[in-house]
């Protein structure tokens, strides 16, 4: 069984889907930690309700120091996989290199179209007839 850590910044809909999939055994894993860079992220309440260890790491002037603190927590939990589920912070190269091959990002568009924010709105404004999402491994060049 894989130990999964999920990083969030907001509502946590994808987090809930991951929790549910683990509980139903659709995913052979367990969410062992949820970390957010927003103290008011509703996803933290989802983690609390599910009895999952959770912490907030508020953005600081020193992005690398923040990433090092998060990495220490992830290492302490023995995570096999890190999922960025609406995590709205750029990770440092040191962080992505430390966890190379273990970080997945859930992006709400069919990349390379509509990178960044407001992907659904931009797709509708462009008259797209199809829209979706991309899950990809993260490295220091692609978040």
C-alpha atoms as a PDB file:
ATOM      1  CA  UNK A   1       0.000   0.000   0.000  1.00  0.00           C
ATOM      2  CA  UNK A   2       1.338   3.418  -0.990  1.00  0.00           C
ATOM      3  CA  UNK A   3       1.598   6.232   1.528  1.00  0.00           C
ATOM      4  CA  UNK A   4       0.263   9.390  -0.120  1.00  0.00           C
ATOM      5  CA  UNK A   5       0.710  13.034   0.879  1.00  0.00           C
ATOM      6  CA  UNK A   6      -1.572  15.583  -0.772  1.00  0.00           C
ATOM      7  CA  UNK A   7      -0.710  19.271  -1.094  1.00  0.00           C
ATOM      8  CA  UNK A   8      -3.658  21.645  -1.441  1.00  0.00           C
ATOM      9  CA  UNK A   9      -4.496  25.328  -1.408  1.00  0.00           C
ATOM     10  CA  UNK A  10      -8.267  25.368  -1.473  1.00  0.00           C
ATOM     11  CA  UNK A  11     -11.518  23.443  -1.524  1.00  0.00           C
ATOM     12  CA  UNK A  12     -10.047  19.954  -1.714  1.00  0.00           C
ATOM     13  CA  UNK A  13     -12.442  18.279  -4.163  1.00  0.00           C
ATOM     14  CA  UNK A  14      -9.619  16.213  -5.673  1.00  0.00           C
ATOM     15  CA  UNK A  15      -8.339  15.450  -2.185  1.00  0.00           C
ATOM     16  CA  UNK A  16     -11.763  14.066  -1.275  1.00  0.00           C
ATOM     17  CA  UNK A  17     -11.799  11.941  -4.424  1.00  0.00           C
ATOM     18  CA  UNK A  18      -8.392  10.511  -3.477  1.00  0.00           C
ATOM     19  CA  UNK A  19      -9.519   9.834   0.109  1.00  0.00           C
ATOM     20  CA  UNK A  20     -12.674   8.091  -1.153  1.00  0.00           C
ATOM     21  CA  UNK A  21     -10.727   6.030  -3.706  1.00  0.00           C
ATOM     22  CA  UNK A  22      -8.316   4.871  -0.998  1.00  0.00           C
ATOM     23  CA  UNK A  23     -11.128   3.986   1.386  1.00  0.00           C
ATOM     24  CA  UNK A  24     -12.920   1.968  -1.306  1.00  0.00           C
ATOM     25  CA  UNK A  25      -9.602   0.304  -2.265  1.00  0.00           C
ATOM     26  CA  UNK A  26      -9.845   1.632  -5.849  1.00  0.00           C
ATOM     27  CA  UNK A  27      -6.420   3.081  -5.028  1.00  0.00           C
ATOM     28  CA  UNK A  28      -4.065   0.806  -3.122  1.00  0.00           C
ATOM     29  CA  UNK A  29      -2.938   3.566  -0.845  1.00  0.00           C
ATOM     30  CA  UNK A  30      -3.567   5.656   2.217  1.00  0.00           C
ATOM     31  CA  UNK A  31      -3.491   9.428   2.533  1.00  0.00           C
ATOM     32  CA  UNK A  32      -1.085   9.908   5.443  1.00  0.00           C
ATOM     33  CA  UNK A  33      -0.797  13.686   5.289  1.00  0.00           C
ATOM     34  CA  UNK A  34      -2.411  16.791   3.868  1.00  0.00           C
ATOM     35  CA  UNK A  35      -0.474  20.046   3.732  1.00  0.00           C
ATOM     36  CA  UNK A  36      -1.732  23.436   2.679  1.00  0.00           C
ATOM     37  CA  UNK A  37      -0.254  26.863   2.120  1.00  0.00           C
ATOM     38  CA  UNK A  38      -3.621  28.444   3.027  1.00  0.00           C
ATOM     39  CA  UNK A  39      -4.865  28.246   6.610  1.00  0.00           C
ATOM     40  CA  UNK A  40      -8.499  28.632   5.524  1.00  0.00           C
ATOM     41  CA  UNK A  41      -8.399  25.906   2.851  1.00  0.00           C
ATOM     42  CA  UNK A  42     -11.564  23.804   3.170  1.00  0.00           C
ATOM     43  CA  UNK A  43      -9.509  20.762   2.215  1.00  0.00           C
ATOM     44  CA  UNK A  44      -7.959  20.904   5.690  1.00  0.00           C
ATOM     45  CA  UNK A  45     -11.435  20.305   7.142  1.00  0.00           C
ATOM     46  CA  UNK A  46     -11.795  17.314   4.813  1.00  0.00           C
ATOM     47  CA  UNK A  47      -8.519  15.918   6.157  1.00  0.00           C
ATOM     48  CA  UNK A  48      -9.569  16.546   9.748  1.00  0.00           C
ATOM     49  CA  UNK A  49     -12.939  14.818   9.177  1.00  0.00           C
ATOM     50  CA  UNK A  50     -11.142  11.804   7.732  1.00  0.00           C
ATOM     51  CA  UNK A  51      -8.684  11.661  10.635  1.00  0.00           C
ATOM     52  CA  UNK A  52      -5.700  12.483   8.428  1.00  0.00           C
ATOM     53  CA  UNK A  53      -2.646  14.308   9.747  1.00  0.00           C
ATOM     54  CA  UNK A  54      -2.677  17.849   8.359  1.00  0.00           C
ATOM     55  CA  UNK A  55      -0.636  21.025   8.647  1.00  0.00           C
ATOM     56  CA  UNK A  56      -0.497  24.502   7.236  1.00  0.00           C
ATOM     57  CA  UNK A  57       2.729  25.991   5.983  1.00  0.00           C
ATOM     58  CA  UNK A  58       2.165  29.665   5.340  1.00  0.00           C
ATOM     59  CA  UNK A  59       4.037  31.273   2.497  1.00  0.00           C
ATOM     60  CA  UNK A  60       7.164  33.005   3.679  1.00  0.00           C
ATOM     61  CA  UNK A  61       9.685  35.266   2.028  1.00  0.00           C
ATOM     62  CA  UNK A  62      12.020  32.288   1.839  1.00  0.00           C
ATOM     63  CA  UNK A  63      10.356  29.793  -0.516  1.00  0.00           C
ATOM     64  CA  UNK A  64      13.214  27.301  -0.196  1.00  0.00           C
ATOM     65  CA  UNK A  65      13.019  27.252   3.612  1.00  0.00           C
ATOM     66  CA  UNK A  66       9.277  26.600   3.405  1.00  0.00           C
ATOM     67  CA  UNK A  67       9.832  23.742   0.952  1.00  0.00           C
ATOM     68  CA  UNK A  68      12.495  22.268   3.230  1.00  0.00           C
ATOM     69  CA  UNK A  69      10.053  22.233   6.176  1.00  0.00           C
ATOM     70  CA  UNK A  70       7.396  20.548   4.040  1.00  0.00           C
ATOM     71  CA  UNK A  71       9.953  18.034   2.725  1.00  0.00           C
ATOM     72  CA  UNK A  72      10.986  17.155   6.291  1.00  0.00           C
ATOM     73  CA  UNK A  73       7.341  16.431   7.194  1.00  0.00           C
ATOM     74  CA  UNK A  74       6.874  14.320   4.055  1.00  0.00           C
ATOM     75  CA  UNK A  75      10.064  12.372   4.790  1.00  0.00           C
ATOM     76  CA  UNK A  76       8.921  11.803   8.403  1.00  0.00           C
ATOM     77  CA  UNK A  77       5.653  10.339   7.103  1.00  0.00           C
ATOM     78  CA  UNK A  78       7.528   8.003   4.759  1.00  0.00           C
ATOM     79  CA  UNK A  79       5.461   9.065   1.753  1.00  0.00           C
ATOM     80  CA  UNK A  80       5.744   7.079  -1.469  1.00  0.00           C
ATOM     81  CA  UNK A  81       3.762   9.588  -3.520  1.00  0.00           C
ATOM     82  CA  UNK A  82       3.043  13.320  -3.356  1.00  0.00           C
ATOM     83  CA  UNK A  83      -0.021  14.648  -5.154  1.00  0.00           C
ATOM     84  CA  UNK A  84      -0.443  18.327  -5.942  1.00  0.00           C
ATOM     85  CA  UNK A  85      -4.211  18.737  -5.919  1.00  0.00           C
ATOM     86  CA  UNK A  86      -4.849  22.404  -6.512  1.00  0.00           C
ATOM     87  CA  UNK A  87      -1.622  23.427  -4.792  1.00  0.00           C
ATOM     88  CA  UNK A  88      -1.081  27.029  -5.814  1.00  0.00           C
ATOM     89  CA  UNK A  89       2.600  27.450  -5.098  1.00  0.00           C
ATOM     90  CA  UNK A  90       5.667  26.924  -7.256  1.00  0.00           C
ATOM     91  CA  UNK A  91       7.927  24.284  -5.763  1.00  0.00           C
ATOM     92  CA  UNK A  92      11.655  24.867  -5.529  1.00  0.00           C
ATOM     93  CA  UNK A  93      14.040  22.862  -7.707  1.00  0.00           C
ATOM     94  CA  UNK A  94      15.555  21.364  -4.547  1.00  0.00           C
ATOM     95  CA  UNK A  95      12.144  20.043  -3.476  1.00  0.00           C
ATOM     96  CA  UNK A  96      11.300  18.531  -6.860  1.00  0.00           C
ATOM     97  CA  UNK A  97      14.751  16.959  -7.159  1.00  0.00           C
ATOM     98  CA  UNK A  98      14.520  15.505  -3.640  1.00  0.00           C
ATOM     99  CA  UNK A  99      11.244  13.783  -4.554  1.00  0.00           C
ATOM    100  CA  UNK A 100      12.038  13.062  -8.211  1.00  0.00           C
ATOM    101  CA  UNK A 101       9.593  10.558  -9.700  1.00  0.00           C
ATOM    102  CA  UNK A 102       7.240  10.822  -6.699  1.00  0.00           C
ATOM    103  CA  UNK A 103       5.323  14.060  -7.371  1.00  0.00           C
ATOM    104  CA  UNK A 104       2.153  14.112  -9.474  1.00  0.00           C
ATOM    105  CA  UNK A 105       0.258  17.259 -10.418  1.00  0.00           C
ATOM    106  CA  UNK A 106      -3.439  17.376 -11.252  1.00  0.00           C
ATOM    107  CA  UNK A 107      -3.902  20.224 -13.735  1.00  0.00           C
ATOM    108  CA  UNK A 108      -7.397  21.318 -14.806  1.00  0.00           C
ATOM    109  CA  UNK A 109      -6.821  21.419 -18.567  1.00  0.00           C
ATOM    110  CA  UNK A 110      -5.595  19.291 -21.404  1.00  0.00           C
ATOM    111  CA  UNK A 111      -2.014  20.487 -21.490  1.00  0.00           C
ATOM    112  CA  UNK A 112      -0.358  22.192 -23.239  1.00  0.00           C
ATOM    113  CA  UNK A 113      -3.545  24.206 -23.713  1.00  0.00           C
ATOM    114  CA  UNK A 114      -4.491  26.537 -20.884  1.00  0.00           C
ATOM    115  CA  UNK A 115      -1.641  26.302 -18.468  1.00  0.00           C
ATOM    116  CA  UNK A 116      -1.973  28.477 -15.403  1.00  0.00           C
ATOM    117  CA  UNK A 117      -5.189  29.682 -13.804  1.00  0.00           C
ATOM    118  CA  UNK A 118      -8.856  29.922 -14.839  1.00  0.00           C
ATOM    119  CA  UNK A 119      -8.571  27.097 -17.345  1.00  0.00           C
ATOM    120  CA  UNK A 120     -12.298  26.289 -17.548  1.00  0.00           C
ATOM    121  CA  UNK A 121     -13.263  29.906 -18.096  1.00  0.00           C
ATOM    122  CA  UNK A 122     -10.592  30.403 -20.748  1.00  0.00           C
ATOM    123  CA  UNK A 123     -11.657  27.233 -22.582  1.00  0.00           C
ATOM    124  CA  UNK A 124     -15.304  28.315 -22.625  1.00  0.00           C
ATOM    125  CA  UNK A 125     -14.387  31.801 -23.810  1.00  0.00           C
ATOM    126  CA  UNK A 126     -12.358  30.247 -26.628  1.00  0.00           C
ATOM    127  CA  UNK A 127     -15.380  28.164 -27.705  1.00  0.00           C
ATOM    128  CA  UNK A 128     -13.741  24.830 -26.958  1.00  0.00           C
ATOM    129  CA  UNK A 129     -15.989  21.807 -27.375  1.00  0.00           C
ATOM    130  CA  UNK A 130     -13.781  19.590 -25.196  1.00  0.00           C
ATOM    131  CA  UNK A 131     -12.012  20.253 -21.940  1.00  0.00           C
ATOM    132  CA  UNK A 132     -10.408  17.960 -19.436  1.00  0.00           C
ATOM    133  CA  UNK A 133      -7.488  17.529 -17.121  1.00  0.00           C
ATOM    134  CA  UNK A 134      -3.911  16.346 -17.180  1.00  0.00           C
ATOM    135  CA  UNK A 135      -2.022  14.376 -14.553  1.00  0.00           C
ATOM    136  CA  UNK A 136       1.743  14.532 -14.952  1.00  0.00           C
ATOM    137  CA  UNK A 137       4.948  14.006 -13.041  1.00  0.00           C
ATOM    138  CA  UNK A 138       6.483  17.180 -11.666  1.00  0.00           C
ATOM    139  CA  UNK A 139      10.094  18.197 -12.060  1.00  0.00           C
ATOM    140  CA  UNK A 140      11.990  21.450 -11.703  1.00  0.00           C
ATOM    141  CA  UNK A 141      10.869  22.568 -15.177  1.00  0.00           C
ATOM    142  CA  UNK A 142       7.219  21.461 -15.198  1.00  0.00           C
ATOM    143  CA  UNK A 143       4.894  21.891 -12.244  1.00  0.00           C
END
